[in-house]
Protein backbone atom coordinates (compact mmCIF):
# COMPACT_ATOMS: atom_id res chain seq x y z
CA UNK A 1 104.74 87.11 19.13
CA UNK A 2 106.05 89.54 21.69
CA UNK A 3 103.26 89.99 24.18
CA UNK A 4 102.89 93.78 24.46
CA UNK A 5 100.12 93.38 27.00
CA UNK A 6 102.62 91.87 29.45
CA UNK A 7 105.16 94.72 29.31
CA UNK A 8 104.78 96.63 32.59
CA UNK A 9 103.05 100.01 32.30
CA UNK A 10 105.05 102.85 33.86
CA UNK A 11 103.22 104.69 36.67
CA UNK A 12 102.88 107.97 34.76
CA UNK A 13 101.57 106.13 31.71
CA UNK A 14 99.18 104.12 33.91
CA UNK A 15 97.75 107.38 35.23
CA UNK A 16 97.11 108.57 31.69
CA UNK A 17 95.54 105.24 30.76
CA UNK A 18 93.27 105.45 33.83
CA UNK A 19 92.14 108.94 32.78
CA UNK A 20 91.30 107.69 29.29
CA UNK A 21 89.48 104.68 30.72
CA UNK A 22 87.40 107.00 32.91
CA UNK A 23 86.26 108.88 29.79
CA UNK A 24 84.60 105.78 28.31
CA UNK A 25 80.96 105.62 29.39
CA UNK A 26 79.95 102.74 31.64
CA UNK A 27 76.64 101.11 30.74
CA UNK A 28 74.71 98.96 33.23
CA UNK A 29 72.30 96.18 32.38
CA UNK A 30 70.39 94.07 34.90
CA UNK A 31 73.20 91.46 34.98
CA UNK A 32 76.23 93.04 33.35
CA UNK A 33 78.43 96.11 33.13
CA UNK A 34 79.87 97.45 29.88
CA UNK A 35 83.14 99.24 30.60
CA UNK A 36 86.32 100.37 28.88
CA UNK A 37 88.63 97.59 27.68
CA UNK A 38 91.78 96.93 29.69
CA UNK A 39 95.01 95.17 28.76
CA UNK A 40 93.96 92.27 30.96
CA UNK A 41 90.87 91.74 28.73
CA UNK A 42 92.90 90.82 25.67
CA UNK A 43 93.19 87.11 26.52
CA UNK A 44 89.40 86.84 26.68
CA UNK A 45 89.08 88.44 23.25
CA UNK A 46 91.71 86.15 21.76
CA UNK A 47 89.94 83.13 23.29
CA UNK A 48 87.07 84.04 20.96
CA UNK A 49 88.83 85.39 17.86
CA UNK A 50 91.64 82.85 17.96
CA UNK A 51 89.32 79.86 18.08
CA UNK A 52 87.06 78.03 15.67
CA UNK A 53 84.20 80.00 17.25
CA UNK A 54 85.34 82.93 15.07
CA UNK A 55 84.41 81.16 11.83
CA UNK A 56 81.77 83.79 11.02
CA UNK A 57 84.23 86.62 11.75
CA UNK A 58 86.87 85.46 9.27
CA UNK A 59 88.80 83.58 11.95
CA UNK A 60 90.37 81.97 13.66
CA UNK A 61 92.82 84.85 14.02
CA UNK A 62 96.49 84.69 14.91
CA UNK A 63 97.55 86.29 18.16
CA UNK A 64 98.97 89.24 16.21
CA UNK A 65 95.67 89.70 14.31
CA UNK A 66 93.66 89.50 17.53
CA UNK A 67 95.96 92.05 19.18
CA UNK A 68 95.60 94.38 16.20
CA UNK A 69 91.80 94.05 16.34
CA UNK A 70 91.78 94.63 20.10
CA UNK A 71 93.87 97.78 19.74
CA UNK A 72 91.86 99.07 16.79
CA UNK A 73 88.46 98.52 18.39
CA UNK A 74 89.69 100.15 21.60
CA UNK A 75 91.27 103.11 19.76
CA UNK A 76 87.99 104.10 18.11
CA UNK A 77 87.01 105.68 21.44
CA UNK A 78 89.74 108.27 20.79
CA UNK A 79 89.10 108.59 17.08
CA UNK A 80 85.30 108.52 16.84
CA UNK A 81 83.85 108.83 20.35
CA UNK A 82 82.58 105.25 20.41
CA UNK A 83 84.16 101.83 20.33
CA UNK A 84 84.35 98.49 22.08
CA UNK A 85 83.22 97.81 25.61
CA UNK A 86 84.24 94.86 27.71
CA UNK A 87 81.15 93.24 29.17
CA UNK A 88 81.55 91.91 32.70
CA UNK A 89 79.09 89.62 34.45
CA UNK A 90 79.64 88.34 37.96
CA UNK A 91 83.12 89.90 38.03
CA UNK A 92 84.28 88.00 34.93
CA UNK A 93 84.81 89.10 31.33
CA UNK A 94 81.74 87.76 29.55
CA UNK A 95 82.39 89.26 26.13
CA UNK A 96 82.64 92.42 24.10
CA UNK A 97 80.09 94.82 22.64
CA UNK A 98 81.03 97.26 19.89
CA UNK A 99 79.72 100.36 18.22
CA UNK A 100 82.32 100.68 15.55
CA UNK A 101 83.45 101.38 12.06
CA UNK A 102 85.86 98.71 10.92
CA UNK A 103 87.57 98.61 7.51
CA UNK A 104 84.92 98.09 4.86
CA UNK A 105 82.00 99.20 7.02
CA UNK A 106 79.61 101.59 5.28
CA UNK A 107 77.72 102.52 8.42
CA UNK A 108 78.15 102.38 12.17
CA UNK A 109 78.05 98.79 13.30
CA UNK A 110 76.66 97.20 16.44
CA UNK A 111 78.61 94.02 17.10
CA UNK A 112 79.03 91.46 19.86
CA UNK A 113 81.38 88.64 20.82
CA UNK A 114 80.72 86.41 23.80
CA UNK A 115 83.08 84.16 25.73
CA UNK A 116 81.90 80.54 25.50
CA UNK A 117 80.88 80.09 29.17
CA UNK A 118 78.50 83.07 28.87
CA UNK A 119 76.66 82.10 25.69
CA UNK A 120 72.98 81.27 25.80
CA UNK A 121 72.29 83.32 28.94
CA UNK A 122 70.81 86.44 27.31
CA UNK A 123 73.83 88.58 28.20
CA UNK A 124 74.60 89.43 24.57
CA UNK A 125 71.04 90.73 24.21
CA UNK A 126 71.35 92.87 27.35
CA UNK A 127 74.70 94.31 26.34
CA UNK A 128 73.81 94.89 22.70
CA UNK A 129 70.50 96.53 23.69
CA UNK A 130 72.32 98.90 26.06
CA UNK A 131 74.87 99.82 23.38
CA UNK A 132 72.14 100.20 20.74
CA UNK A 133 70.19 102.55 23.01
CA UNK A 134 73.38 104.54 23.74
CA UNK A 135 74.04 104.84 20.00
CA UNK A 136 70.56 106.22 19.39
CA UNK A 137 69.94 108.33 22.51
CA UNK A 138 73.41 109.65 23.35
CA UNK A 139 75.41 109.52 20.12
CA UNK A 140 72.38 110.28 17.89
CA UNK A 141 73.83 108.11 15.10
CA UNK A 142 71.83 108.50 11.88
CA UNK A 143 71.87 104.76 11.26
CA UNK A 144 73.03 101.55 12.92
CA UNK A 145 73.50 98.11 11.41
CA UNK A 146 74.95 94.73 12.31
CA UNK A 147 77.00 92.92 9.67
CA UNK A 148 76.33 89.18 10.01
CA UNK A 149 77.60 86.29 7.91
CA UNK A 150 74.79 84.12 6.52
CA UNK A 151 74.51 80.95 8.57
CA UNK A 152 75.42 82.65 11.85
CA UNK A 153 72.05 81.69 13.28
CA UNK A 154 72.75 82.87 16.84
CA UNK A 155 73.70 86.37 15.72
CA UNK A 156 70.78 86.48 13.28
CA UNK A 157 68.39 85.57 16.12
CA UNK A 158 69.93 88.20 18.37
CA UNK A 159 69.70 90.89 15.68
CA UNK A 160 66.05 90.02 15.13
CA UNK A 161 65.41 90.09 18.90
CA UNK A 162 66.94 93.58 18.96
CA UNK A 163 64.44 94.66 16.31
CA UNK A 164 66.84 94.65 13.35
CA UNK A 165 65.74 93.44 9.93
CA UNK A 166 67.75 92.15 6.95
CA UNK A 167 68.47 94.98 4.52
CA UNK A 168 70.59 93.66 1.67
CA UNK A 169 73.99 92.04 1.43
CA UNK A 170 77.62 93.04 0.94
CA UNK A 171 80.68 91.32 -0.49
CA UNK A 172 78.73 89.29 -3.02
CA UNK A 173 76.38 87.91 -0.39
CA UNK A 174 79.04 87.04 2.19
CA UNK A 175 77.56 89.52 4.69
CA UNK A 176 73.94 90.36 5.45
CA UNK A 177 73.24 93.88 6.62
CA UNK A 178 70.85 93.84 9.58
CA UNK A 179 69.37 97.33 10.00
CA UNK A 180 68.51 98.61 13.47
CA UNK A 181 67.47 102.06 12.15
CA UNK A 182 68.20 104.63 9.47
CA UNK A 183 68.58 104.28 5.76
CA UNK A 184 71.37 102.94 3.59
CA UNK A 185 74.42 105.16 3.69
């Protein structure tokens, strides 16, 4: 695959990109910062989506599929006023937190992906809680769910810790809807 993230960005285009990045809200947690995604974050995303760790997300993904997902989840900031944040902890990309609407979603979704070295530290909980609160308090979304594949015990535990409860299934039971608030769309 041609690596579009490695093509140099022209100075005028970089200025526009910086202005767009500045429009994405920055969320702070006690140990992490949620900020706009940057081209340099793609490799961290692909380290998750391109590996066996993505088994509950339909992966592993090819580099082209990961790039498409990265672009799509970033573009929702322009299209819908919310999207994917890169979560940094200690100056490193720790993962990604999303308020999104991906193909097939019936409601706004709260999602999370963590880089392996940052799992089990409570960072996903901090980041997802900050995004959840932003979705309720700032965006005033009428409902928020997390779509979790049965058997993804870590994500199920996190959803429960965030106060979400199972609320039915989709795709013939392949996805459990975990409701944070609101009613079925």
